[in-house]
Every structure is written in C-alpha cells, then in structure tokens.
Amino acid sequence: IRLRSLPDAGKTDAVVAGCTVVGATADGLSVDGSFELWVDNSDFESCGAEGVAFGKLYAPAAEVVSLDIRGCRFSRNGQEGLDLQLAAPPVLGAGIGEFRITLVDCDAIDNALDGVRIDLDYETAAGWTSRIQMRGVTAHSNVLAGVHLDLDADASVFAHRLACSANGTDGFQ
C-alpha cells in the first residue's frame, strides 16, 4: 500500500482499516507527504523492509496533522515494524506545525531492527512540535530496541502500559 502527497500541500485524509499485508518485497504500507491518517486493525507481516514506513510525514505550516494507529500488528519484517519520521515542509512558511501521534493496542514482534521507531526530523524548524501517546503497546523479540524514540526536537510523550521484553538492545529507548 503506497500513499503519496506533496510535502507542502494541505493534508490529505486517509483511512487504512482491516488490511493484511504479508510478504511484500518492500514496505507493507509506505507513506510520504502530508496526511491526516487513521490505521486501524491491520497486520503488516514478513515484509522485506518496514511493515509500515513513513518516509516523512509532514505537518504543513499552521496545521495540526494527526496519525492514529490502533489495534495493528507489525511482525517479522526485514527492517523496523513501524518506522515514523516526522518533518516540517522543505520550504517553511510562517507559523508553526504540530503532530498528534496516537499508537494504541499494537504489537511489534520479531522485527529485524526496532519494533517501533519514531524520529523527529524537524529540529531546525522553530515552532514545530509533537504530542505522542502510546498505550498498550507490546514490543517483543525485536533485533534492536522494542520502542525507539529519537526526540531531538520539541515534543511531549505519554507512554502507558508498554510491554517491552526480550529485545536485542533496549526495551524502551
């Protein structure tokens, strides 16, 4: 499944629900651009790269972009189970941008890198921020970290009921 939009365009609404992607050569779900996205009750398993890969999720200036991922499973993928990179548009306008990320009741199991990786790539964009909530996430037997947050920009994180066990490096980094 591949979703694309221009990084400096307004956000596009999209829903991915009840999908199963098994054995994709590359990513199970690949997203790049500015989206208001809901991913619900879907499985991404044994993909050659990431189960779900956000090359960059962009928050346009003066907008709030939401990503809700609920009841999903990311297992046995060739790289990360879920790889999310958050970014400001390449040409910054006036104002600020905000991400609201919610990850609820998801499993990241036996992936070749991190189970879940969230990377803030807007550190040079003053005024951009993220609110990240994770509830009921299980990260087990991943080669690297179970949950890896790269928080080198403005953000707030709420983590509740994370079960991170038997991962190769950190359970929660």
Protein backbone atom coordinates (compact mmCIF):
# COMPACT_ATOMS: atom_id res chain seq x y z
CA ILE A 1 0.00 0.00 0.00
CA ARG A 2 1.54 3.32 -1.04
CA LEU A 3 0.27 6.83 -0.11
CA ARG A 4 1.96 9.95 -1.54
CA SER A 5 1.26 13.69 -1.44
CA LEU A 6 3.30 16.85 -1.84
CA PRO A 7 5.06 17.83 1.40
CA ASP A 8 3.93 21.47 1.22
CA ALA A 9 0.34 20.71 0.15
CA GLY A 10 -2.55 20.70 2.58
CA LYS A 11 -3.10 17.44 4.42
CA THR A 12 -5.00 14.58 2.77
CA ASP A 13 -7.41 12.44 4.81
CA ALA A 14 -6.88 8.68 4.51
CA VAL A 15 -8.07 5.53 6.32
CA VAL A 16 -6.41 2.11 6.20
CA ALA A 17 -8.61 -0.34 8.09
CA GLY A 18 -8.83 -4.11 8.31
CA CYS A 19 -5.92 -4.66 5.92
CA THR A 20 -3.43 -7.52 5.90
CA VAL A 21 -0.12 -7.16 4.08
CA VAL A 22 2.09 -10.27 4.16
CA GLY A 23 5.36 -10.84 2.33
CA ALA A 24 5.63 -7.54 0.45
CA THR A 25 9.06 -7.19 -1.17
CA ALA A 26 9.46 -3.65 0.19
CA ASP A 27 7.26 -1.87 2.79
CA GLY A 28 3.81 -3.13 3.72
CA LEU A 29 2.45 0.43 3.97
CA SER A 30 4.58 3.29 2.64
CA VAL A 31 3.54 6.89 3.37
CA ASP A 32 5.26 10.10 2.30
CA GLY A 33 3.67 13.55 2.43
CA SER A 34 1.07 15.43 4.44
CA PHE A 35 -1.72 13.14 5.66
CA GLU A 36 -4.40 13.00 8.31
CA LEU A 37 -4.24 9.22 8.68
CA TRP A 38 -6.08 6.51 10.60
CA VAL A 39 -4.61 2.97 10.50
CA ASP A 40 -6.88 0.51 12.27
CA ASN A 41 -6.95 -3.23 12.92
CA SER A 42 -4.36 -4.09 10.26
CA ASP A 43 -1.45 -6.55 10.07
CA PHE A 44 1.92 -5.93 8.39
CA GLU A 45 3.94 -9.12 8.42
CA SER A 46 7.11 -10.51 6.81
CA CYS A 47 7.71 -7.50 4.55
CA GLY A 48 11.19 -7.13 3.02
CA ALA A 49 11.67 -3.65 4.50
CA GLU A 50 9.43 -1.99 7.13
CA GLY A 51 5.97 -3.21 7.97
CA VAL A 52 4.84 0.45 7.92
CA ALA A 53 7.24 3.18 6.76
CA PHE A 54 6.62 6.90 6.91
CA GLY A 55 9.48 8.19 4.74
CA LYS A 56 8.39 11.57 6.04
CA LEU A 57 5.05 12.61 7.48
CA TYR A 58 4.87 16.39 7.03
CA ALA A 59 2.96 18.94 9.10
CA PRO A 60 2.27 21.96 6.90
CA ALA A 61 2.68 25.40 8.46
CA ALA A 62 -0.25 26.44 10.66
CA GLU A 63 -1.76 22.92 10.63
CA VAL A 64 -2.16 20.02 13.02
CA VAL A 65 -1.56 16.59 11.48
CA SER A 66 -2.95 13.53 13.29
CA LEU A 67 -1.85 9.93 12.95
CA ASP A 68 -3.91 7.32 14.81
CA ILE A 69 -2.69 3.72 14.72
CA ARG A 70 -4.88 1.29 16.67
CA GLY A 71 -5.02 -2.47 17.01
CA CYS A 72 -2.25 -3.16 14.49
CA ARG A 73 0.44 -5.82 14.36
CA PHE A 74 3.94 -5.34 12.91
CA SER A 75 5.78 -8.66 12.87
CA ARG A 76 8.77 -10.40 11.29
CA ASN A 77 9.62 -7.50 8.95
CA GLY A 78 13.08 -7.12 7.35
CA GLN A 79 13.68 -3.72 9.00
CA GLU A 80 11.50 -1.84 11.55
CA GLY A 81 7.97 -2.93 12.29
CA LEU A 82 6.81 0.72 12.29
CA ASP A 83 9.19 3.50 11.18
CA LEU A 84 7.80 7.02 11.54
CA GLN A 85 9.73 10.17 10.58
CA LEU A 86 8.05 13.50 11.34
CA ALA A 87 9.12 16.58 9.38
CA ALA A 88 8.38 20.21 8.61
CA PRO A 89 7.88 21.00 4.91
CA PRO A 90 11.11 21.63 2.95
CA VAL A 91 10.16 25.30 2.40
CA LEU A 92 8.93 26.68 5.70
CA GLY A 93 6.09 29.17 5.71
CA ALA A 94 5.10 31.43 8.54
CA GLY A 95 3.64 29.87 11.63
CA ILE A 96 4.00 26.56 13.36
CA GLY A 97 3.10 22.94 12.72
CA GLU A 98 2.02 20.19 15.08
CA PHE A 99 1.85 16.40 15.03
CA ARG A 100 -0.54 14.40 17.19
CA ILE A 101 0.53 10.76 17.15
CA THR A 102 -1.51 8.04 18.87
CA LEU A 103 -0.41 4.40 19.00
CA VAL A 104 -2.86 2.16 20.90
CA ASP A 105 -3.02 -1.62 21.45
CA CYS A 106 -0.39 -2.51 18.84
CA ASP A 107 2.17 -5.33 18.71
CA ALA A 108 5.69 -5.04 17.26
CA ILE A 109 7.18 -8.52 17.35
CA ASP A 110 10.30 -10.17 15.91
CA ASN A 111 11.37 -7.38 13.52
CA ALA A 112 14.93 -7.23 12.13
CA LEU A 113 15.59 -3.73 13.54
CA ASP A 114 13.45 -1.71 16.01
CA GLY A 115 9.89 -2.77 16.71
CA VAL A 116 8.63 0.84 16.70
CA ARG A 117 10.82 3.82 15.76
CA ILE A 118 9.64 7.44 15.89
CA ASP A 119 12.17 10.02 14.66
CA LEU A 120 11.60 13.78 14.92
CA ASP A 121 13.24 15.32 11.85
CA TYR A 122 12.09 18.93 12.33
CA GLU A 123 14.77 20.09 14.78
CA THR A 124 15.70 23.07 12.57
CA ALA A 125 12.08 24.26 12.26
CA ALA A 126 11.29 26.56 15.18
CA GLY A 127 7.69 26.22 16.29
CA TRP A 128 7.06 22.64 15.15
CA THR A 129 6.09 20.20 17.89
CA SER A 130 4.67 16.71 18.54
CA ARG A 131 2.35 15.17 21.07
CA ILE A 132 2.94 11.41 21.13
CA GLN A 133 0.74 8.99 23.06
CA MET A 134 1.43 5.26 23.28
CA ARG A 135 -0.92 2.95 25.20
CA GLY A 136 -0.96 -0.83 25.36
CA VAL A 137 1.99 -1.37 23.02
CA THR A 138 3.81 -4.73 23.10
CA ALA A 139 7.33 -4.88 21.65
CA HIS A 140 8.90 -8.33 21.88
CA SER A 141 11.91 -10.11 20.34
CA ASN A 142 13.00 -7.29 18.01
CA VAL A 143 16.68 -7.36 17.00
CA LEU A 144 17.26 -3.78 18.21
CA ALA A 145 15.01 -1.74 20.56
CA GLY A 146 11.40 -2.61 21.20
CA VAL A 147 10.34 1.07 21.09
CA HIS A 148 12.91 3.67 19.94
CA LEU A 149 12.05 7.37 20.24
CA ASP A 150 14.53 9.81 18.65
CA LEU A 151 13.33 13.01 20.32
CA ASP A 152 15.82 15.62 19.16
CA ALA A 153 13.14 18.31 18.69
CA ASP A 154 10.23 19.76 20.67
CA ALA A 155 7.79 17.03 21.77
CA SER A 156 5.80 15.61 24.65
CA VAL A 157 5.41 11.86 25.16
CA PHE A 158 2.90 9.85 27.19
CA ALA A 159 3.70 6.12 27.43
CA HIS A 160 1.27 3.88 29.33
CA ARG A 161 1.08 0.07 29.52
CA LEU A 162 4.12 -0.64 27.31
CA ALA A 163 5.36 -4.24 27.49
CA CYS A 164 8.87 -4.39 26.04
CA SER A 165 10.68 -7.71 26.53
CA ALA A 166 13.42 -9.86 25.01
CA ASN A 167 14.57 -7.17 22.56
CA GLY A 168 18.19 -7.12 21.33
CA THR A 169 19.08 -3.72 22.82
CA ASP A 170 16.72 -1.55 24.87
CA GLY A 171 13.11 -2.34 25.55
CA PHE A 172 12.23 1.37 25.53
CA GLN A 173 14.87 3.78 24.23
